């Protein structure tokens, strides 16, 4: 394809990232729509759209903990498990690693204490999250029914266990509500310097929806987005000259075609693209944050510095109108099959302070009321040990019962909801599935999961896709 003078000058002068270009071209109608029946999908753009009803939350930050945090060691104390430590478990267990299977109950090596005015019991491994006990709602009865990582991750993100090619929860949200930011993408993924999480790019896929709704992945170190800056030889006065010249060309072209709204919109959109260079750079610049905020997140500590930076960026992004931000960890560091006494404290030290600081910081800025924060993984861990019951012990996968927590965005703080059985193996009271979680998230954002529909491949789709799902009204403020 032959490049026009305008496109050549624009690309040479600005080096705008593809994340912005795709969004702008879609809004201008330059990209094809996804297959669907005319008139039945919402407009395929990122313009702000009204929710189905008055929302509690406007944005969401998901701190996804790949690998399966051990709920019985962190958020779900089980005195009976400690009392029966080293005894054989009498229930049925589905093991993922049969060759290391054991029936020996493994009482938590760590103490739980009642924290906050609410008295929620939290492990000593999470001292900072314990300090926000009055602000979080701990869901102790999550259940996927599957022990595998990928099958449960896809269930949480896409609504069906194990199925690839489905849009992420965030894709549904941005499709339904659009973006309140005109300078940044609606859905941003903050990746880990250790690499992609397990299941790779499926974690932020838009599936059968257009790529407009997939997550824009930020690099784990500066520059977070490549090509925001022009080449060195075009910077400074020369860059400004190019911008001024391009603006003259655009205005001259516009004057020759008065009243063409599409042309006016296109010129405005590409001028906005240049503004995004400044907006994105400013959003990721933590140097302007005061020292007490940097200490709050743990930017001054080697073990928390990297995750702290991403949590702080997440706050800065929702401040600037980004709809959904998700933080991932490289691989699956919560997958503590062996040596849990060393591995679990290590990942807690890395993430505990920044996660708690994010909630505190949002709250002190008045943003927690309208920002929903999620913390949790795709599964939990078994109450029996994996391998011998000694210093090398770990815990195998458990999708039958585990814990996550939510804060802000219309969720009651200082409560727990649901229960697992006496040793923490299976969800037993008020059992919750990822579909219940999704229906509740959408409700808090003002969306009815039954009414939110996308037509593709000859049929209508929903996030929960006809599966049993309920809004967990008991946890709503």
Protein backbone atom coordinates (compact mmCIF):
# COMPACT_ATOMS: atom_id res chain seq x y z
CA UNK A 1 0.00 0.00 0.00
CA UNK A 2 1.34 3.45 -0.94
CA UNK A 3 1.77 5.75 2.03
CA UNK A 4 0.25 9.22 1.82
CA UNK A 5 2.28 12.30 2.65
CA UNK A 6 0.19 12.82 5.77
CA UNK A 7 0.67 9.28 7.08
CA UNK A 8 4.40 9.38 6.30
CA UNK A 9 4.89 12.67 8.14
CA UNK A 10 2.77 11.53 11.02
CA UNK A 11 4.55 8.23 11.55
CA UNK A 12 8.00 9.71 11.11
CA UNK A 13 7.44 12.62 13.46
CA UNK A 14 5.58 10.99 16.28
CA UNK A 15 6.29 7.25 16.43
CA UNK A 16 2.88 6.70 18.05
CA UNK A 17 2.34 3.28 19.60
CA UNK A 18 0.08 0.76 17.95
CA UNK A 19 -2.16 0.61 21.00
CA UNK A 20 -3.43 4.12 20.29
CA UNK A 21 -3.54 3.74 16.54
CA UNK A 22 -5.84 0.70 16.63
CA UNK A 23 -8.26 2.48 18.93
CA UNK A 24 -8.35 5.63 16.84
CA UNK A 25 -8.71 3.80 13.54
CA UNK A 26 -11.57 1.77 14.99
CA UNK A 27 -13.37 4.91 16.14
CA UNK A 28 -12.92 6.37 12.67
CA UNK A 29 -14.37 3.30 11.01
CA UNK A 30 -11.10 2.35 9.35
CA UNK A 31 -11.07 -1.18 10.78
CA UNK A 32 -13.62 -3.83 9.94
CA UNK A 33 -16.19 -4.78 12.53
CA UNK A 34 -16.23 -8.26 13.97
CA UNK A 35 -18.72 -10.67 12.37
CA UNK A 36 -22.18 -10.20 13.82
CA UNK A 37 -25.76 -9.53 12.88
CA UNK A 38 -26.40 -5.87 12.01
CA UNK A 39 -27.96 -3.77 14.71
CA UNK A 40 -27.56 -6.29 17.51
CA UNK A 41 -24.15 -5.45 18.89
CA UNK A 42 -23.32 -2.24 20.70
CA UNK A 43 -21.31 0.23 18.59
CA UNK A 44 -17.81 -1.16 18.29
CA UNK A 45 -15.93 1.81 19.68
CA UNK A 46 -14.77 3.13 23.06
CA UNK A 47 -17.19 6.03 23.44
CA UNK A 48 -18.66 6.25 26.93
CA UNK A 49 -21.99 4.44 27.13
CA UNK A 50 -24.53 4.47 29.96
CA UNK A 51 -24.74 1.36 32.15
CA UNK A 52 -27.97 -0.59 32.57
CA UNK A 53 -28.54 1.01 35.98
CA UNK A 54 -26.77 3.28 38.45
CA UNK A 55 -23.33 1.81 39.19
CA UNK A 56 -21.37 1.73 42.42
CA UNK A 57 -18.01 1.38 40.68
CA UNK A 58 -16.53 3.12 37.65
CA UNK A 59 -13.26 1.20 37.38
CA UNK A 60 -11.61 -2.01 38.54
CA UNK A 61 -8.08 -3.07 39.48
CA UNK A 62 -7.41 -6.81 39.56
CA UNK A 63 -4.37 -8.11 41.42
CA UNK A 64 -4.33 -11.61 39.98
CA UNK A 65 -2.27 -14.11 41.97
CA UNK A 66 -1.38 -16.89 39.54
CA UNK A 67 -0.69 -20.30 41.01
CA UNK A 68 -3.26 -20.57 43.79
CA UNK A 69 -2.57 -18.83 47.12
CA UNK A 70 -2.89 -21.22 50.05
CA UNK A 71 -6.10 -20.03 51.72
CA UNK A 72 -5.63 -22.22 54.80
CA UNK A 73 -2.32 -20.44 55.44
CA UNK A 74 -3.47 -16.91 54.59
CA UNK A 75 -7.17 -16.02 54.84
CA UNK A 76 -9.12 -19.07 56.07
CA UNK A 77 -7.98 -20.25 59.53
CA UNK A 78 -8.77 -23.85 60.37
CA UNK A 79 -8.24 -24.82 64.03
CA UNK A 80 -9.44 -28.36 63.27
CA UNK A 81 -6.69 -28.71 60.67
CA UNK A 82 -4.10 -27.81 63.29
CA UNK A 83 -5.65 -30.11 65.89
CA UNK A 84 -5.53 -33.07 63.50
CA UNK A 85 -2.07 -32.26 62.12
CA UNK A 86 -0.29 -35.40 60.88
CA UNK A 87 -3.47 -37.48 61.02
CA UNK A 88 -4.83 -39.16 57.90
CA UNK A 89 -7.62 -37.27 56.15
CA UNK A 90 -10.77 -39.37 55.80
CA UNK A 91 -12.32 -37.46 52.88
CA UNK A 92 -11.92 -37.93 49.15
CA UNK A 93 -9.09 -35.95 47.57
CA UNK A 94 -8.49 -35.23 43.89
CA UNK A 95 -4.72 -34.90 43.49
CA UNK A 96 -2.97 -33.21 40.59
CA UNK A 97 0.38 -34.86 41.35
CA UNK A 98 -0.45 -38.39 42.39
CA UNK A 99 3.18 -39.45 42.66
CA UNK A 100 3.62 -37.04 45.60
CA UNK A 101 0.16 -37.59 47.08
CA UNK A 102 -0.34 -37.84 50.82
CA UNK A 103 -3.33 -38.10 53.13
CA UNK A 104 -1.54 -36.46 56.06
CA UNK A 105 -3.31 -33.31 57.25
CA UNK A 106 -0.93 -30.36 57.32
CA UNK A 107 -1.79 -27.74 59.93
CA UNK A 108 -0.69 -24.23 59.01
CA UNK A 109 2.76 -23.32 60.38
CA UNK A 110 1.62 -19.68 60.74
CA UNK A 111 -0.52 -17.91 63.32
CA UNK A 112 -3.82 -16.18 62.57
CA UNK A 113 -4.99 -13.12 64.49
CA UNK A 114 -8.20 -11.12 64.58
CA UNK A 115 -7.57 -7.78 62.94
CA UNK A 116 -9.36 -4.45 62.68
CA UNK A 117 -12.63 -3.53 64.31
CA UNK A 118 -14.30 -6.30 62.32
CA UNK A 119 -12.13 -9.05 63.82
CA UNK A 120 -11.42 -10.85 60.54
CA UNK A 121 -8.72 -13.43 61.10
CA UNK A 122 -5.70 -12.97 58.85
CA UNK A 123 -2.38 -14.83 58.76
CA UNK A 124 0.82 -13.33 60.10
CA UNK A 125 2.16 -13.75 56.54
CA UNK A 126 -0.04 -10.83 55.45
CA UNK A 127 0.58 -8.12 58.06
CA UNK A 128 -0.22 -5.23 55.70
CA UNK A 129 -3.41 -6.75 54.32
CA UNK A 130 -4.33 -7.47 57.95
CA UNK A 131 -4.13 -3.71 58.53
CA UNK A 132 -6.88 -3.11 55.95
CA UNK A 133 -9.17 -5.84 57.31
CA UNK A 134 -11.94 -3.29 57.85
CA UNK A 135 -11.85 -2.36 54.16
CA UNK A 136 -11.91 -5.80 52.54
CA UNK A 137 -14.51 -8.49 52.02
CA UNK A 138 -12.98 -11.97 52.17
CA UNK A 139 -14.85 -14.55 50.10
CA UNK A 140 -13.97 -17.90 51.68
CA UNK A 141 -16.15 -20.23 49.58
CA UNK A 142 -14.85 -19.87 46.02
CA UNK A 143 -15.21 -23.04 43.97
CA UNK A 144 -14.23 -23.83 40.38
CA UNK A 145 -14.60 -27.61 40.62
CA UNK A 146 -11.34 -27.96 38.69
CA UNK A 147 -7.84 -28.31 40.09
CA UNK A 148 -5.89 -27.24 37.01
CA UNK A 149 -4.45 -23.76 36.56
CA UNK A 150 -5.46 -23.03 32.97
CA UNK A 151 -8.96 -24.44 33.22
CA UNK A 152 -9.69 -22.32 36.30
CA UNK A 153 -7.95 -19.18 34.99
CA UNK A 154 -10.12 -19.29 31.85
CA UNK A 155 -13.18 -19.82 34.05
CA UNK A 156 -12.38 -16.67 36.05
CA UNK A 157 -11.45 -14.55 33.05
CA UNK A 158 -13.72 -15.83 30.29
CA UNK A 159 -16.74 -17.35 32.02
CA UNK A 160 -16.33 -20.98 30.93
CA UNK A 161 -13.86 -23.47 32.44
CA UNK A 162 -11.01 -24.39 30.13
CA UNK A 163 -12.38 -22.73 26.98
CA UNK A 164 -10.00 -20.51 25.01
CA UNK A 165 -11.01 -17.80 22.57
CA UNK A 166 -13.49 -16.06 24.86
CA UNK A 167 -13.35 -12.38 25.81
CA UNK A 168 -11.91 -11.44 29.17
CA UNK A 169 -14.16 -9.96 31.85
CA UNK A 170 -12.45 -6.62 31.18
CA UNK A 171 -13.25 -6.89 27.47
CA UNK A 172 -16.94 -7.25 28.30
CA UNK A 173 -16.72 -4.23 30.60
CA UNK A 174 -15.00 -1.98 28.06
CA UNK A 175 -17.37 -3.17 25.32
CA UNK A 176 -20.36 -2.28 27.53
CA UNK A 177 -19.15 0.99 29.05
CA UNK A 178 -16.44 2.38 26.78
CA UNK A 179 -13.61 4.49 28.14
CA UNK A 180 -13.66 7.63 30.25
CA UNK A 181 -10.10 8.41 29.18
CA UNK A 182 -9.43 10.07 25.83
CA UNK A 183 -5.69 9.85 26.33
CA UNK A 184 -5.13 6.25 27.46
CA UNK A 185 -6.42 2.75 26.58
CA UNK A 186 -9.48 1.51 28.47
CA UNK A 187 -7.93 -1.83 29.55
CA UNK A 188 -4.29 -2.00 30.60
CA UNK A 189 -2.22 -5.01 31.65
CA UNK A 190 0.84 -4.45 33.86
CA UNK A 191 3.18 -7.32 33.10
CA UNK A 192 5.87 -8.87 35.27
CA UNK A 193 9.63 -8.67 34.60
CA UNK A 194 9.73 -12.43 35.12
CA UNK A 195 7.69 -12.98 31.97
CA UNK A 196 4.11 -13.82 31.09
CA UNK A 197 1.87 -15.63 33.59
CA UNK A 198 0.81 -19.21 33.00
CA UNK A 199 -1.61 -19.41 30.05
CA UNK A 200 0.16 -16.46 28.42
CA UNK A 201 -1.77 -14.01 26.30
CA UNK A 202 -5.10 -15.77 26.87
CA UNK A 203 -5.11 -13.90 30.18
CA UNK A 204 -6.05 -10.63 28.45
CA UNK A 205 -7.57 -11.79 25.17
CA UNK A 206 -10.70 -10.18 23.69
CA UNK A 207 -11.59 -13.52 22.10
CA UNK A 208 -14.28 -13.20 19.44
CA UNK A 209 -14.60 -9.46 20.10
CA UNK A 210 -12.46 -7.00 18.10
CA UNK A 211 -8.86 -6.42 19.30
CA UNK A 212 -10.04 -2.98 20.35
CA UNK A 213 -11.24 -4.60 23.59
CA UNK A 214 -8.21 -6.71 24.45
CA UNK A 215 -5.72 -5.68 27.12
CA UNK A 216 -2.93 -3.31 26.16
CA UNK A 217 0.19 -4.83 27.72
CA UNK A 218 2.69 -2.46 29.30
CA UNK A 219 6.32 -3.44 29.46
CA UNK A 220 7.60 -4.36 32.94
CA UNK A 221 10.24 -1.63 32.91
CA UNK A 222 10.74 1.78 31.37
CA UNK A 223 9.82 2.62 28.74
CA UNK A 224 6.47 1.00 29.61
CA UNK A 225 5.28 1.67 26.04
CA UNK A 226 7.72 1.65 23.15
CA UNK A 227 7.85 4.35 20.48
CA UNK A 228 6.28 7.11 22.53
CA UNK A 229 9.27 9.29 21.70
CA UNK A 230 10.36 10.27 18.19
CA UNK A 231 13.84 9.29 17.00
CA UNK A 232 16.60 11.45 18.55
CA UNK A 233 17.21 13.34 15.31
CA UNK A 234 13.54 14.47 15.20
CA UNK A 235 13.19 15.65 18.78
CA UNK A 236 12.90 19.18 20.08
CA UNK A 237 12.45 22.09 17.68
CA UNK A 238 12.39 19.84 14.62
CA UNK A 239 9.56 17.76 16.08
CA UNK A 240 7.55 20.89 16.79
CA UNK A 241 8.18 22.14 13.26
CA UNK A 242 6.89 18.84 11.87
CA UNK A 243 3.79 19.05 14.05
CA UNK A 244 3.11 22.63 12.99
CA UNK A 245 3.62 21.74 9.33
CA UNK A 246 1.32 18.72 9.62
CA UNK A 247 -1.32 20.86 11.27
CA UNK A 248 -1.10 23.37 8.40
CA UNK A 249 -1.58 20.59 5.87
CA UNK A 250 -4.55 19.22 7.77
CA UNK A 251 -6.22 22.63 8.13
CA UNK A 252 -5.67 23.49 4.47
CA UNK A 253 -7.17 20.16 3.47
CA UNK A 254 -10.10 20.77 5.81
CA UNK A 255 -10.80 24.27 4.45
CA UNK A 256 -11.05 22.84 0.97
CA UNK A 257 -13.76 20.44 2.19
CA UNK A 258 -16.02 22.44 4.52
CA UNK A 259 -18.72 20.64 6.49
CA UNK A 260 -17.15 17.16 6.27
CA UNK A 261 -17.66 15.92 9.81
CA UNK A 262 -15.75 12.67 9.22
CA UNK A 263 -12.68 14.60 8.11
CA UNK A 264 -12.88 16.92 11.11
CA UNK A 265 -13.18 13.92 13.42
CA UNK A 266 -10.22 12.19 11.79
CA UNK A 267 -7.99 15.25 12.15
CA UNK A 268 -9.02 15.66 15.78
CA UNK A 269 -8.33 11.97 16.45
CA UNK A 270 -4.80 12.05 15.11
CA UNK A 271 -4.06 15.26 16.97
CA UNK A 272 -5.24 13.40 20.06
CA UNK A 273 -2.79 10.61 19.26
CA UNK A 274 0.05 13.07 19.61
CA UNK A 275 -1.35 14.20 22.96
CA UNK A 276 -1.32 10.58 24.13
CA UNK A 277 2.45 10.61 23.99
CA UNK A 278 2.49 13.12 26.82
CA UNK A 279 -0.42 11.58 28.75
CA UNK A 280 1.05 8.08 28.81
CA UNK A 281 4.48 9.28 29.83
CA UNK A 282 3.03 11.38 32.63
CA UNK A 283 0.85 8.51 33.92
CA UNK A 284 3.86 6.21 34.34
CA UNK A 285 6.15 8.84 35.89
CA UNK A 286 6.41 8.05 39.60
CA UNK A 287 9.00 10.72 40.31
CA UNK A 288 6.23 13.19 41.06
CA UNK A 289 4.84 11.04 43.88
CA UNK A 290 5.67 12.32 47.39
CA UNK A 291 8.09 10.36 49.52
CA UNK A 292 5.44 9.21 52.01
CA UNK A 293 3.45 7.59 49.19
CA UNK A 294 6.55 5.88 47.85
CA UNK A 295 7.24 4.46 51.31
CA UNK A 296 3.61 3.45 51.74
CA UNK A 297 3.81 1.19 48.69
CA UNK A 298 7.30 -0.12 49.47
CA UNK A 299 9.20 1.55 46.66
CA UNK A 300 12.07 2.00 49.11
CA UNK A 301 12.45 -1.76 49.75
CA UNK A 302 14.15 -4.15 47.31
CA UNK A 303 11.69 -7.02 47.87
CA UNK A 304 8.60 -4.88 47.18
CA UNK A 305 9.93 -2.22 44.82
CA UNK A 306 8.88 -3.74 41.50
CA UNK A 307 5.36 -4.77 42.50
CA UNK A 308 4.93 -1.51 44.39
CA UNK A 309 5.68 0.47 41.24
CA UNK A 310 2.98 -1.39 39.33
CA UNK A 311 0.39 -0.97 42.08
CA UNK A 312 1.13 2.75 42.21
CA UNK A 313 0.86 3.01 38.41
CA UNK A 314 -2.51 1.24 38.65
CA UNK A 315 -3.77 3.95 40.98
CA UNK A 316 -2.48 6.67 38.66
CA UNK A 317 -4.23 5.02 35.71
CA UNK A 318 -7.68 4.80 37.29
CA UNK A 319 -7.24 8.41 38.41
CA UNK A 320 -6.90 9.27 34.72
CA UNK A 321 -10.02 7.43 33.61
CA UNK A 322 -8.71 3.96 32.70
CA UNK A 323 -11.57 1.50 33.09
CA UNK A 324 -9.75 -1.75 33.98
CA UNK A 325 -6.18 -2.41 35.15
CA UNK A 326 -4.84 -5.91 35.82
CA UNK A 327 -1.51 -6.89 37.39
CA UNK A 328 -0.05 -10.29 36.66
CA UNK A 329 2.91 -12.21 38.09
CA UNK A 330 5.41 -14.09 35.97
CA UNK A 331 4.70 -17.82 35.82
CA UNK A 332 2.74 -18.96 38.87
CA UNK A 333 4.66 -18.02 42.04
CA UNK A 334 1.82 -19.01 44.39
CA UNK A 335 2.07 -22.62 43.16
CA UNK A 336 3.68 -23.93 46.34
CA UNK A 337 3.99 -27.66 45.69
CA UNK A 338 7.20 -27.91 47.69
CA UNK A 339 8.99 -26.07 50.48
CA UNK A 340 5.96 -23.96 51.33
CA UNK A 341 7.63 -22.74 54.55
CA UNK A 342 10.08 -20.71 52.44
CA UNK A 343 8.21 -20.11 49.18
CA UNK A 344 4.94 -18.82 50.58
CA UNK A 345 6.52 -16.16 52.85
CA UNK A 346 8.66 -15.00 49.92
CA UNK A 347 5.76 -14.21 47.57
CA UNK A 348 3.82 -12.67 50.48
CA UNK A 349 6.73 -10.32 51.24
CA UNK A 350 6.80 -9.25 47.60
CA UNK A 351 3.08 -8.47 47.23
CA UNK A 352 1.50 -7.87 50.66
CA UNK A 353 2.59 -4.28 51.31
CA UNK A 354 1.93 -2.92 47.77
CA UNK A 355 -1.52 -4.53 47.59
CA UNK A 356 -2.57 -3.09 50.95
CA UNK A 357 -1.07 0.30 50.07
CA UNK A 358 -3.16 0.43 46.91
CA UNK A 359 -6.37 0.12 48.96
CA UNK A 360 -5.18 2.68 51.52
CA UNK A 361 -4.11 5.13 48.85
CA UNK A 362 -7.36 4.85 46.90
CA UNK A 363 -9.29 5.34 50.12
CA UNK A 364 -7.43 8.47 51.22
CA UNK A 365 -7.99 9.99 47.78
CA UNK A 366 -11.72 9.25 47.77
CA UNK A 367 -11.28 6.80 44.89
CA UNK A 368 -12.04 3.55 46.71
CA UNK A 369 -15.77 4.26 46.65
CA UNK A 370 -15.78 4.04 42.87
CA UNK A 371 -12.85 1.67 42.26
CA UNK A 372 -13.27 -2.05 42.80
CA UNK A 373 -10.10 -3.89 43.87
CA UNK A 374 -9.77 -7.66 43.48
CA UNK A 375 -7.06 -9.88 45.01
CA UNK A 376 -6.92 -13.59 44.39
CA UNK A 377 -5.87 -16.54 42.29
CA UNK A 378 -7.59 -19.21 40.26
CA UNK A 379 -7.49 -22.01 42.88
CA UNK A 380 -6.33 -22.69 46.45
CA UNK A 381 -4.29 -25.47 48.07
CA UNK A 382 -5.16 -28.78 49.72
CA UNK A 383 -5.24 -29.24 53.50
CA UNK A 384 -3.06 -32.33 53.18
CA UNK A 385 0.67 -32.13 52.54
CA UNK A 386 2.29 -32.88 49.22
CA UNK A 387 5.30 -35.13 49.62
CA UNK A 388 6.61 -36.07 53.06
CA UNK A 389 5.40 -34.10 56.05
CA UNK A 390 8.70 -32.43 56.86
CA UNK A 391 10.57 -29.20 56.10
CA UNK A 392 10.15 -29.78 52.36
CA UNK A 393 6.35 -30.12 52.48
CA UNK A 394 4.10 -28.30 50.03
CA UNK A 395 0.43 -28.32 49.09
CA UNK A 396 -1.21 -29.58 45.89
CA UNK A 397 -3.92 -27.77 43.87
CA UNK A 398 -7.42 -27.31 45.24
CA UNK A 399 -10.24 -25.88 43.14
CA UNK A 400 -12.92 -27.20 45.49
CA UNK A 401 -12.69 -24.37 48.02
CA UNK A 402 -10.48 -21.27 48.42
CA UNK A 403 -10.44 -17.55 49.23
CA UNK A 404 -10.19 -14.22 47.41
CA UNK A 405 -10.91 -10.68 48.60
CA UNK A 406 -12.60 -7.59 47.22
CA UNK A 407 -12.48 -3.98 48.37
CA UNK A 408 -14.23 -0.74 47.44
CA UNK A 409 -16.59 -0.13 44.54
CA UNK A 410 -19.77 -0.85 46.47
CA UNK A 411 -18.56 -3.90 48.42
CA UNK A 412 -18.98 -4.09 52.20
CA UNK A 413 -15.68 -3.87 54.05
CA UNK A 414 -14.80 -5.76 57.19
CA UNK A 415 -16.76 -8.92 56.45
CA UNK A 416 -16.20 -12.51 55.45
CA UNK A 417 -18.63 -14.46 53.32
CA UNK A 418 -18.96 -18.19 52.84
CA UNK A 419 -17.13 -21.07 54.50
CA UNK A 420 -15.11 -24.12 53.61
CA UNK A 421 -15.39 -27.36 55.60
CA UNK A 422 -13.57 -27.79 58.89
CA UNK A 423 -10.19 -28.47 57.28
CA UNK A 424 -10.53 -26.07 54.34
CA UNK A 425 -10.89 -28.61 51.55
CA UNK A 426 -14.31 -27.88 50.04
CA UNK A 427 -16.57 -24.85 49.90
CA UNK A 428 -19.43 -25.76 52.21
CA UNK A 429 -21.54 -22.66 52.99
CA UNK A 430 -22.66 -20.08 50.38
CA UNK A 431 -20.63 -21.69 47.62
CA UNK A 432 -19.46 -19.18 44.98
CA UNK A 433 -18.33 -19.85 41.43
CA UNK A 434 -16.39 -17.59 39.07
CA UNK A 435 -19.72 -16.93 37.32
CA UNK A 436 -21.16 -15.58 40.58
CA UNK A 437 -18.05 -13.43 40.92
CA UNK A 438 -18.49 -12.14 37.34
CA UNK A 439 -22.21 -11.41 37.76
CA UNK A 440 -21.41 -9.45 40.92
CA UNK A 441 -18.57 -7.46 39.33
CA UNK A 442 -20.78 -6.51 36.40
CA UNK A 443 -23.59 -5.53 38.78
CA UNK A 444 -21.30 -3.21 40.72
CA UNK A 445 -20.40 -1.53 37.43
CA UNK A 446 -24.07 -1.07 36.62
CA UNK A 447 -24.42 -4.01 34.22
CA UNK A 448 -26.83 -6.94 34.15
CA UNK A 449 -24.95 -10.07 33.10
CA UNK A 450 -28.10 -11.42 31.43
CA UNK A 451 -28.64 -8.30 29.31
CA UNK A 452 -25.03 -7.84 28.22
CA UNK A 453 -24.92 -9.65 24.88
CA UNK A 454 -22.46 -9.90 21.98
CA UNK A 455 -23.35 -11.57 18.69
CA UNK A 456 -20.62 -13.51 16.91
CA UNK A 457 -20.28 -16.72 14.93
CA UNK A 458 -24.01 -16.93 14.37
CA UNK A 459 -25.19 -16.78 17.95
CA UNK A 460 -25.45 -14.52 20.97
CA UNK A 461 -22.87 -14.75 23.74
CA UNK A 462 -22.80 -13.61 27.35
CA UNK A 463 -19.92 -13.57 29.81
CA UNK A 464 -21.66 -16.19 31.97
CA UNK A 465 -23.07 -17.80 28.78
CA UNK A 466 -26.24 -19.23 30.31
CA UNK A 467 -24.51 -20.88 33.26
CA UNK A 468 -26.02 -20.47 36.74
CA UNK A 469 -24.82 -17.15 38.11
CA UNK A 470 -26.08 -14.86 40.83
CA UNK A 471 -25.25 -11.42 42.11
CA UNK A 472 -23.92 -11.90 45.66
CA UNK A 473 -26.09 -9.21 47.20
CA UNK A 474 -25.06 -10.13 50.73
CA UNK A 475 -21.67 -8.47 50.20
CA UNK A 476 -22.99 -5.28 48.60
CA UNK A 477 -22.81 -2.05 50.61
